[in-house]
């Protein structure tokens, strides 16, 4: 099981510090789930990202812009790598399916 590092709030290119903090909270929540006792599937990770971004969008609509989406996917993928998972989350939406891609 990997440990979660205590970094300062990362930049997600949101319009405000509150937006960056909301994204950081989402990523930390997902990191904890990934580093937890039970394995997660790619579909579970995608569902956590989408649900979290939809919640953030209620106050910070720019979360669905390219830069925040890419940074969230990147940070989650780094957590997956640290935990030994053999897949990562692609940062661009799958046009046909309307969601992120899972890559092995």
Protein backbone atom coordinates (compact mmCIF):
# COMPACT_ATOMS: atom_id res chain seq x y z
CA UNK A 1 0.00 0.00 0.00
CA UNK A 2 1.41 3.40 -0.93
CA UNK A 3 1.34 6.50 1.16
CA UNK A 4 -0.20 9.80 0.18
CA UNK A 5 2.19 12.72 0.29
CA UNK A 6 1.15 15.95 1.94
CA UNK A 7 1.82 18.48 -0.82
CA UNK A 8 0.61 22.07 -0.94
CA UNK A 9 -2.45 22.61 -3.10
CA UNK A 10 -1.55 21.76 -6.68
CA UNK A 11 -2.59 24.05 -9.50
CA UNK A 12 -5.46 22.86 -11.66
CA UNK A 13 -5.76 26.07 -13.71
CA UNK A 14 -9.09 26.95 -12.18
CA UNK A 15 -10.19 30.59 -12.06
CA UNK A 16 -9.90 30.83 -8.27
CA UNK A 17 -7.97 29.32 -5.38
CA UNK A 18 -11.27 27.88 -4.16
CA UNK A 19 -11.62 26.06 -7.48
CA UNK A 20 -8.09 24.66 -7.20
CA UNK A 21 -8.83 23.56 -3.61
CA UNK A 22 -12.00 21.80 -4.73
CA UNK A 23 -10.05 19.90 -7.39
CA UNK A 24 -7.34 19.02 -4.88
CA UNK A 25 -9.97 17.68 -2.47
CA UNK A 26 -11.36 15.48 -5.24
CA UNK A 27 -7.94 14.14 -6.16
CA UNK A 28 -7.04 13.43 -2.51
CA UNK A 29 -10.33 11.58 -2.01
CA UNK A 30 -9.59 9.42 -5.06
CA UNK A 31 -5.96 8.92 -3.97
CA UNK A 32 -7.17 7.58 -0.62
CA UNK A 33 -9.53 5.16 -2.35
CA UNK A 34 -6.74 3.98 -4.68
CA UNK A 35 -4.28 3.51 -1.82
CA UNK A 36 -6.90 1.76 0.29
CA UNK A 37 -7.29 -1.82 1.33
CA UNK A 38 -9.45 -2.86 -1.62
CA UNK A 39 -8.53 -2.73 -5.29
CA UNK A 40 -10.46 -0.37 -7.53
CA UNK A 41 -11.35 -0.84 -11.16
CA UNK A 42 -10.84 1.66 -13.92
CA UNK A 43 -14.58 2.11 -14.17
CA UNK A 44 -14.79 2.94 -10.45
CA UNK A 45 -12.03 5.52 -10.79
CA UNK A 46 -13.73 7.08 -13.80
CA UNK A 47 -17.03 7.23 -11.92
CA UNK A 48 -15.33 8.98 -8.97
CA UNK A 49 -13.72 11.53 -11.29
CA UNK A 50 -16.93 12.28 -13.18
CA UNK A 51 -19.11 12.51 -10.07
CA UNK A 52 -16.56 14.73 -8.33
CA UNK A 53 -16.15 17.04 -11.31
CA UNK A 54 -19.93 17.34 -11.70
CA UNK A 55 -20.18 18.34 -8.04
CA UNK A 56 -17.37 20.89 -8.39
CA UNK A 57 -19.03 22.29 -11.53
CA UNK A 58 -21.99 23.46 -9.46
CA UNK A 59 -19.75 26.26 -8.12
CA UNK A 60 -16.83 26.17 -10.55
CA UNK A 61 -18.05 25.45 -14.07
CA UNK A 62 -14.56 25.71 -15.53
CA UNK A 63 -13.67 22.33 -14.02
CA UNK A 64 -14.76 20.74 -17.32
CA UNK A 65 -12.28 22.89 -19.29
CA UNK A 66 -9.25 21.11 -20.75
CA UNK A 67 -6.61 22.19 -18.23
CA UNK A 68 -8.37 21.13 -15.00
CA UNK A 69 -9.53 17.87 -16.59
CA UNK A 70 -6.01 17.04 -17.78
CA UNK A 71 -4.45 17.82 -14.40
CA UNK A 72 -7.03 15.79 -12.46
CA UNK A 73 -6.49 12.79 -14.78
CA UNK A 74 -2.70 13.21 -14.47
CA UNK A 75 -2.72 13.33 -10.66
CA UNK A 76 -5.06 10.33 -10.43
CA UNK A 77 -2.88 8.40 -12.89
CA UNK A 78 0.20 9.13 -10.77
CA UNK A 79 -1.63 7.73 -7.74
CA UNK A 80 -2.56 4.61 -9.72
CA UNK A 81 1.07 4.16 -10.73
CA UNK A 82 2.31 4.60 -7.14
CA UNK A 83 -0.18 1.97 -5.97
CA UNK A 84 1.00 -0.51 -8.60
CA UNK A 85 -2.01 -0.49 -10.90
CA UNK A 86 -1.38 -1.45 -14.52
CA UNK A 87 -3.58 1.23 -16.04
CA UNK A 88 -3.93 4.98 -16.11
CA UNK A 89 -6.63 7.48 -16.92
CA UNK A 90 -6.37 9.23 -20.28
CA UNK A 91 -6.84 12.97 -19.96
CA UNK A 92 -8.94 13.50 -23.06
CA UNK A 93 -12.55 12.52 -23.44
CA UNK A 94 -13.44 9.54 -25.60
CA UNK A 95 -15.60 11.25 -28.22
CA UNK A 96 -17.64 8.15 -29.02
CA UNK A 97 -18.42 7.30 -25.40
CA UNK A 98 -18.32 10.77 -23.86
CA UNK A 99 -15.98 9.79 -21.04
CA UNK A 100 -12.32 9.35 -20.17
CA UNK A 101 -10.31 6.44 -21.50
CA UNK A 102 -8.63 3.75 -19.45
CA UNK A 103 -5.23 2.79 -20.83
CA UNK A 104 -3.16 -0.28 -19.99
